N, C-alpha and C. Protein backbone atom coordinates (compact mmCIF):
# COMPACT_ATOMS: atom_id res chain seq x y z
N UNK A 1 -21.49 14.70 -19.24
CA UNK A 1 -21.33 13.34 -19.04
C UNK A 1 -22.87 12.41 -19.52
N UNK A 2 -23.76 13.27 -19.05
CA UNK A 2 -24.80 12.49 -19.03
C UNK A 2 -25.86 12.83 -20.06
N UNK A 3 -25.39 13.83 -20.78
CA UNK A 3 -25.67 14.56 -22.06
C UNK A 3 -25.33 13.12 -23.53
N UNK A 4 -24.09 13.05 -22.91
CA UNK A 4 -23.46 12.16 -24.35
C UNK A 4 -23.87 10.36 -23.49
N UNK A 5 -24.39 10.41 -22.42
CA UNK A 5 -24.93 8.65 -22.53
C UNK A 5 -26.15 8.94 -23.34
N UNK A 6 -26.65 9.85 -22.81
CA UNK A 6 -28.55 10.35 -23.90
C UNK A 6 -28.03 9.99 -25.11
N UNK A 7 -27.08 10.55 -25.83
CA UNK A 7 -27.04 10.98 -27.24
C UNK A 7 -26.67 9.17 -27.64
N UNK A 8 -26.01 8.60 -27.26
CA UNK A 8 -25.08 7.25 -27.26
C UNK A 8 -26.60 6.31 -26.92
N UNK A 9 -27.16 6.75 -26.02
CA UNK A 9 -28.84 5.82 -26.69
C UNK A 9 -29.74 5.76 -27.12
N UNK A 10 -29.36 7.32 -27.73
CA UNK A 10 -30.59 7.39 -28.85
C UNK A 10 -30.19 6.91 -30.26
N UNK A 11 -28.78 7.13 -30.13
CA UNK A 11 -28.26 6.20 -31.29
C UNK A 11 -28.09 5.22 -31.25
N UNK A 12 -28.05 4.54 -30.13
CA UNK A 12 -28.26 3.09 -30.37
C UNK A 12 -30.22 2.69 -30.56
N UNK A 13 -30.90 3.50 -30.13
CA UNK A 13 -32.36 3.52 -30.06
C UNK A 13 -32.63 3.44 -31.64
N UNK A 14 -31.78 4.62 -32.55
CA UNK A 14 -32.23 5.12 -33.94
C UNK A 14 -31.60 3.26 -34.47
N UNK A 15 -30.45 2.87 -34.59
CA UNK A 15 -29.66 1.86 -35.02
C UNK A 15 -30.95 0.12 -34.39
N UNK A 16 -31.06 0.02 -33.97
CA UNK A 16 -32.36 -0.80 -33.06
C UNK A 16 -33.38 -0.52 -34.25
N UNK A 17 -33.75 0.33 -34.07
CA UNK A 17 -35.19 0.91 -35.22
C UNK A 17 -35.19 0.58 -36.65
N UNK A 18 -33.49 1.22 -37.14
CA UNK A 18 -33.39 0.92 -38.58
C UNK A 18 -33.22 -0.76 -38.78
N UNK A 19 -32.39 -1.30 -37.69
CA UNK A 19 -32.21 -2.95 -37.93
C UNK A 19 -33.68 -4.07 -37.79
N UNK A 20 -34.63 -3.25 -37.15
CA UNK A 20 -35.88 -3.55 -37.01
C UNK A 20 -36.79 -3.10 -38.26
N UNK A 21 -36.79 -2.34 -38.71
CA UNK A 21 -37.13 -1.76 -40.00
C UNK A 21 -36.99 -2.57 -41.27
N UNK A 22 -35.29 -3.11 -41.49
CA UNK A 22 -34.93 -3.59 -41.86
C UNK A 22 -35.26 -4.90 -42.17
N UNK A 23 -35.51 -5.74 -40.77
CA UNK A 23 -35.50 -7.32 -40.61
C UNK A 23 -37.07 -7.63 -41.02
N UNK A 24 -37.88 -6.36 -40.83
CA UNK A 24 -39.27 -6.84 -41.39
C UNK A 24 -39.16 -5.98 -42.72
N UNK A 25 -38.75 -5.32 -43.44
CA UNK A 25 -38.50 -5.54 -44.82
C UNK A 25 -38.43 -6.60 -45.34
N UNK A 26 -37.28 -7.12 -45.00
CA UNK A 26 -36.99 -8.36 -45.45
C UNK A 26 -37.93 -9.53 -45.63
N UNK A 27 -38.50 -9.67 -44.36
CA UNK A 27 -39.07 -10.46 -43.79
C UNK A 27 -40.62 -10.72 -44.91
N UNK A 28 -41.09 -9.33 -45.04
CA UNK A 28 -42.06 -8.64 -45.92
C UNK A 28 -41.66 -9.67 -47.47
N UNK A 29 -41.12 -9.09 -48.09
CA UNK A 29 -40.27 -9.57 -49.13
C UNK A 29 -40.18 -11.37 -49.51
N UNK A 30 -39.60 -12.10 -48.32
CA UNK A 30 -39.12 -13.14 -47.98
C UNK A 30 -41.16 -14.02 -48.29
N UNK A 31 -41.61 -13.32 -47.61
CA UNK A 31 -43.51 -13.63 -47.17
C UNK A 31 -43.57 -13.77 -49.14
N UNK A 32 -43.43 -12.55 -49.82
CA UNK A 32 -44.32 -12.21 -50.96
C UNK A 32 -43.33 -13.30 -51.88
N UNK A 33 -42.32 -13.40 -51.96
CA UNK A 33 -41.55 -14.61 -52.57
C UNK A 33 -42.43 -15.78 -52.40
N UNK A 34 -42.31 -16.52 -51.23
CA UNK A 34 -42.85 -17.67 -50.95
C UNK A 34 -44.48 -17.55 -51.37
N UNK A 35 -45.32 -16.42 -51.25
CA UNK A 35 -46.78 -16.36 -51.64
C UNK A 35 -46.71 -16.64 -53.90
N UNK A 36 -46.00 -16.07 -53.92
CA UNK A 36 -45.85 -16.29 -55.25
C UNK A 36 -45.60 -17.15 -55.79
N UNK A 37 -44.89 -18.13 -55.12
CA UNK A 37 -43.63 -19.31 -55.28
C UNK A 37 -45.19 -20.42 -55.53
N UNK A 38 -45.71 -20.52 -54.07
CA UNK A 38 -46.93 -20.78 -54.04
C UNK A 38 -48.13 -21.10 -55.07
N UNK A 39 -48.35 -19.71 -55.19
CA UNK A 39 -49.46 -19.40 -56.69
C UNK A 39 -49.01 -20.25 -57.58
N UNK A 40 -48.33 -19.69 -57.87
CA UNK A 40 -47.22 -20.52 -59.45
C UNK A 40 -47.85 -22.23 -59.35
N UNK A 41 -46.89 -22.62 -57.96
CA UNK A 41 -47.24 -24.35 -58.20
C UNK A 41 -48.44 -24.77 -57.98
N UNK A 42 -49.39 -23.99 -57.55
CA UNK A 42 -50.87 -24.14 -57.87
C UNK A 42 -51.81 -24.21 -58.94
N UNK A 43 -51.37 -23.07 -59.21
CA UNK A 43 -51.65 -22.86 -60.94
C UNK A 43 -50.96 -24.22 -61.62
N UNK A 44 -49.50 -24.31 -61.81
CA UNK A 44 -49.13 -25.27 -62.29
C UNK A 44 -49.78 -26.45 -62.08
N UNK A 45 -50.46 -27.07 -60.55
CA UNK A 45 -50.89 -28.35 -60.62
C UNK A 45 -52.09 -28.09 -60.98
N UNK A 46 -53.15 -26.96 -61.02
CA UNK A 46 -54.60 -27.14 -61.58
C UNK A 46 -54.35 -27.10 -63.09
N UNK A 47 -53.42 -26.64 -63.77
CA UNK A 47 -53.32 -26.58 -65.09
C UNK A 47 -53.02 -28.49 -65.53
N UNK A 48 -52.42 -28.98 -64.93
CA UNK A 48 -51.85 -30.34 -65.06
C UNK A 48 -53.49 -31.19 -64.46
N UNK A 49 -53.91 -31.14 -63.52
CA UNK A 49 -54.71 -31.49 -63.50
C UNK A 49 -55.83 -31.53 -64.16
N UNK A 50 -56.38 -30.21 -64.82
CA UNK A 50 -56.97 -29.84 -65.52
C UNK A 50 -56.73 -30.67 -66.96
N UNK A 51 -55.45 -30.86 -67.38
CA UNK A 51 -55.09 -31.56 -68.69
C UNK A 51 -54.94 -33.10 -68.67
N UNK A 52 -55.36 -33.38 -67.42
CA UNK A 52 -54.94 -35.24 -67.22
C UNK A 52 -56.55 -35.15 -66.68
N UNK A 53 -57.61 -34.40 -66.52
CA UNK A 53 -58.78 -34.54 -66.40
C UNK A 53 -59.54 -34.44 -68.05
N UNK A 54 -58.88 -33.88 -68.95
CA UNK A 54 -59.61 -33.48 -70.34
C UNK A 54 -59.37 -34.91 -70.67
N UNK A 55 -57.57 -35.56 -70.67
CA UNK A 55 -57.59 -36.64 -71.11
C UNK A 55 -58.22 -37.75 -71.12
N UNK A 56 -58.39 -38.05 -69.58
CA UNK A 56 -59.68 -38.88 -68.67
C UNK A 56 -60.89 -38.96 -69.69
N UNK A 57 -61.67 -37.69 -69.81
CA UNK A 57 -62.86 -37.53 -70.35
C UNK A 57 -62.91 -38.15 -71.74
N UNK A 58 -61.75 -37.65 -72.42
CA UNK A 58 -62.00 -37.54 -73.99
C UNK A 58 -61.37 -39.62 -73.98
N UNK A 59 -60.90 -40.26 -73.20
CA UNK A 59 -60.47 -41.63 -73.54
C UNK A 59 -61.85 -42.47 -72.80
N UNK A 60 -62.61 -41.88 -71.48
CA UNK A 60 -64.24 -42.40 -71.17
C UNK A 60 -64.93 -42.23 -72.38
N UNK A 61 -64.78 -40.92 -73.32
CA UNK A 61 -66.04 -40.46 -74.35
C UNK A 61 -65.78 -41.64 -75.59
N UNK A 62 -64.15 -42.10 -75.30
CA UNK A 62 -64.19 -42.82 -76.84
C UNK A 62 -64.14 -44.30 -76.80
N UNK A 63 -63.99 -44.89 -75.32
CA UNK A 63 -64.40 -46.28 -74.97
C UNK A 63 -65.97 -46.49 -74.96
N UNK A 64 -66.68 -45.12 -74.73
CA UNK A 64 -68.35 -45.47 -74.45
C UNK A 64 -68.83 -45.49 -75.99
N UNK A 65 -68.35 -44.70 -76.97
CA UNK A 65 -68.99 -44.71 -77.98
C UNK A 65 -68.08 -46.35 -78.92
N UNK A 66 -66.79 -46.67 -78.15
CA UNK A 66 -66.14 -48.28 -78.84
C UNK A 66 -67.29 -49.01 -78.43
N UNK A 67 -67.78 -49.16 -77.12
CA UNK A 67 -68.79 -50.09 -76.59
C UNK A 67 -70.09 -49.72 -77.42
N UNK A 68 -70.39 -48.89 -77.73
CA UNK A 68 -71.78 -48.35 -78.42
C UNK A 68 -71.45 -49.16 -79.94
N UNK A 69 -70.80 -48.80 -80.79
CA UNK A 69 -70.31 -49.34 -82.10
C UNK A 69 -70.64 -50.79 -81.93
N UNK A 70 -69.75 -51.50 -80.95
CA UNK A 70 -69.95 -53.03 -80.82
C UNK A 70 -71.40 -53.37 -80.25
N UNK A 71 -71.64 -52.51 -79.32
CA UNK A 71 -73.07 -52.92 -79.35
C UNK A 71 -74.42 -53.30 -80.68
N UNK A 72 -74.00 -52.14 -81.13
CA UNK A 72 -74.68 -52.39 -82.64
C UNK A 72 -74.23 -52.78 -83.64
N UNK A 73 -73.21 -53.11 -83.63
CA UNK A 73 -72.84 -53.91 -84.97
C UNK A 73 -73.27 -55.56 -84.60
N UNK A 74 -72.86 -56.05 -83.24
CA UNK A 74 -73.39 -57.33 -82.92
C UNK A 74 -74.73 -57.93 -82.61
N UNK A 75 -75.28 -56.67 -82.63
CA UNK A 75 -76.49 -56.79 -82.35
C UNK A 75 -77.27 -56.84 -80.57
N UNK A 76 -76.00 -56.65 -79.77
CA UNK A 76 -76.25 -57.02 -78.56
C UNK A 76 -77.25 -56.13 -77.58
N UNK A 77 -77.77 -56.47 -76.55
CA UNK A 77 -78.72 -55.95 -75.77
C UNK A 77 -77.96 -55.41 -74.73
N UNK A 78 -78.80 -54.54 -73.93
CA UNK A 78 -78.11 -54.20 -72.58
C UNK A 78 -76.97 -55.16 -71.55
N UNK A 79 -77.72 -56.07 -71.28
CA UNK A 79 -77.21 -57.35 -70.85
C UNK A 79 -76.28 -57.97 -71.27
N UNK A 80 -76.21 -58.67 -72.17
CA UNK A 80 -75.31 -58.63 -73.27
C UNK A 80 -73.98 -58.55 -73.10
N UNK A 81 -74.16 -56.74 -73.59
CA UNK A 81 -72.75 -56.01 -73.44
C UNK A 81 -71.98 -56.01 -72.30
N UNK A 82 -72.86 -55.74 -71.21
CA UNK A 82 -72.31 -55.50 -69.75
C UNK A 82 -72.00 -56.88 -69.65
N UNK A 83 -72.53 -57.92 -69.89
CA UNK A 83 -71.91 -59.30 -69.48
C UNK A 83 -70.32 -59.46 -70.54
N UNK A 84 -70.27 -58.97 -71.80
CA UNK A 84 -69.35 -59.01 -72.23
C UNK A 84 -68.14 -58.10 -71.52
N UNK A 85 -68.53 -56.69 -71.21
CA UNK A 85 -67.62 -55.77 -70.55
C UNK A 85 -67.25 -56.36 -69.26
N UNK A 86 -68.06 -57.05 -68.22
CA UNK A 86 -67.33 -57.72 -67.59
C UNK A 86 -66.23 -59.27 -67.81
N UNK A 87 -66.80 -59.87 -68.46
CA UNK A 87 -65.74 -61.08 -68.76
C UNK A 87 -64.64 -60.61 -69.24
N UNK A 88 -64.94 -59.09 -69.92
CA UNK A 88 -63.37 -58.82 -70.44
C UNK A 88 -62.15 -58.09 -69.51
N UNK A 89 -62.97 -57.64 -68.70
CA UNK A 89 -62.50 -56.77 -67.26
C UNK A 89 -61.82 -57.70 -66.62
N UNK A 90 -62.52 -59.36 -66.27
CA UNK A 90 -62.24 -60.20 -65.62
C UNK A 90 -60.84 -61.25 -66.00
N UNK A 91 -61.20 -61.15 -67.81
CA UNK A 91 -60.17 -61.48 -68.06
C UNK A 91 -59.02 -61.40 -68.73
N UNK A 92 -58.94 -59.61 -68.50
CA UNK A 92 -57.51 -59.13 -68.79
C UNK A 92 -56.96 -59.09 -67.22
N UNK A 93 -57.61 -59.27 -65.89
CA UNK A 93 -56.93 -59.40 -64.95
C UNK A 93 -56.20 -60.88 -64.88
N UNK A 94 -54.99 -60.45 -63.95
CA UNK A 94 -54.44 -61.77 -63.84
C UNK A 94 -55.50 -62.91 -62.82
N UNK A 95 -55.32 -64.16 -63.99
CA UNK A 95 -55.80 -65.15 -63.28
C UNK A 95 -55.72 -65.77 -62.01
N UNK A 96 -54.68 -65.90 -61.71
CA UNK A 96 -53.55 -66.33 -60.55
C UNK A 96 -54.20 -65.74 -59.52
N UNK A 97 -54.58 -64.64 -59.60
CA UNK A 97 -54.84 -63.50 -58.71
C UNK A 97 -56.59 -63.63 -58.43
N UNK A 98 -57.51 -64.21 -58.78
CA UNK A 98 -58.76 -64.07 -59.10
C UNK A 98 -59.01 -64.82 -57.91
N UNK A 99 -60.08 -64.94 -56.82
CA UNK A 99 -60.50 -66.09 -56.02
C UNK A 99 -61.44 -67.16 -56.44
N UNK A 100 -62.22 -66.37 -57.33
CA UNK A 100 -63.31 -67.13 -58.46
C UNK A 100 -63.06 -67.18 -60.00
N UNK A 101 -63.47 -68.07 -60.01
CA UNK A 101 -63.62 -68.49 -61.73
C UNK A 101 -64.74 -67.99 -62.43
N UNK A 102 -64.53 -67.39 -64.04
CA UNK A 102 -65.70 -67.52 -64.52
C UNK A 102 -65.49 -68.24 -65.81
N UNK A 103 -66.66 -68.40 -66.50
CA UNK A 103 -66.44 -69.28 -67.42
C UNK A 103 -65.88 -69.09 -68.67
N UNK A 104 -65.37 -69.62 -69.67
CA UNK A 104 -65.11 -68.86 -71.04
C UNK A 104 -66.03 -67.74 -71.39
N UNK A 105 -65.61 -67.09 -72.71
CA UNK A 105 -66.36 -66.33 -73.56
C UNK A 105 -67.49 -67.13 -74.34
N UNK A 106 -66.97 -68.05 -74.21
CA UNK A 106 -67.77 -68.81 -75.78
C UNK A 106 -69.10 -69.39 -74.63
N UNK A 107 -69.34 -69.39 -73.74
CA UNK A 107 -69.75 -70.04 -72.68
C UNK A 107 -71.26 -68.62 -72.08
N UNK A 108 -70.58 -67.73 -72.56
CA UNK A 108 -71.14 -66.16 -72.15
C UNK A 108 -72.26 -65.91 -73.17
N UNK A 109 -72.43 -66.12 -74.45
CA UNK A 109 -73.63 -65.78 -75.51
C UNK A 109 -74.98 -66.61 -75.53
């Protein structure tokens, strides 16, 4: 009888060992999937951010070129150009939300 109990205990031990190995294998597979998804999402985010950054840089470059052309065509100095940019930025903003007012563009010359 004792041999039978020992054999039963050994069989249970083997079954538990197999179950644990299976659980570890499943956890490892799940971990790999999670890591791969995270890497893919990170790569997608980086690519999206790079594209947005390049677009923003191109817009800034174009805007700088346009201001340089405006300055040259109108014969403005740096102070005049900065006043123009400032007045344009403020006038493009909702005037009802401003705490201060600025003179019209005509008086900035």
